[in-house]
Amino acid sequence: MDDLQLKMCDIQGRLFVLSAKERIPSAAFIRTFMTSEAAKGLDSRYNKMQWMGEEYLLEEVRSSAGKSFFKQGEVYPEDVMYWIGYVYRYWHYYSGENSPQILRQAPARTMRRNYFMFHTMDPSLAIENLKEIHSQKK
């Protein structure tokens, strides 16, 4: 993992925290972001989205969200949201999988449930454990 990739992990983590600060229901935000054009841009080798801050990224996601952010739902704690955002981006760099593929393996509820067990692990080990959990469900 190079410095730019780690910076992108941090930016995505901060984006997820910003969504919590704005009281956007976390599961709706995660699902919307991970399937958005913004996430697709971050998944690509080079895209202007990679140079935008978390505030700009949130506005991009919000503009494409429609009414999904107006639903009621739990807002996860900021530390949980940072970890989820960071690990999802790290996962992309670690495995080469795109954001929708990652979300299918580890949806918001899975990430929330496993935060306390995995948040102190090296991200690659957490990802391997999350992949194992997904494979056991099949």
Foldseek 3Di string as FASTA:
>chain_A
DDPLLLVLLQQQLVLLLVCLVVVFANLLLLVLLLPDPLQVCLLDPHHVSSVDGSVVSNVRSVVPSPCSRVDDHDRDDSVLSSQVRSLLSVCCVVPVDGSVVLCVLAGPVNSRVCCVVPVVDDSVVSSVVSNVVSVVVD
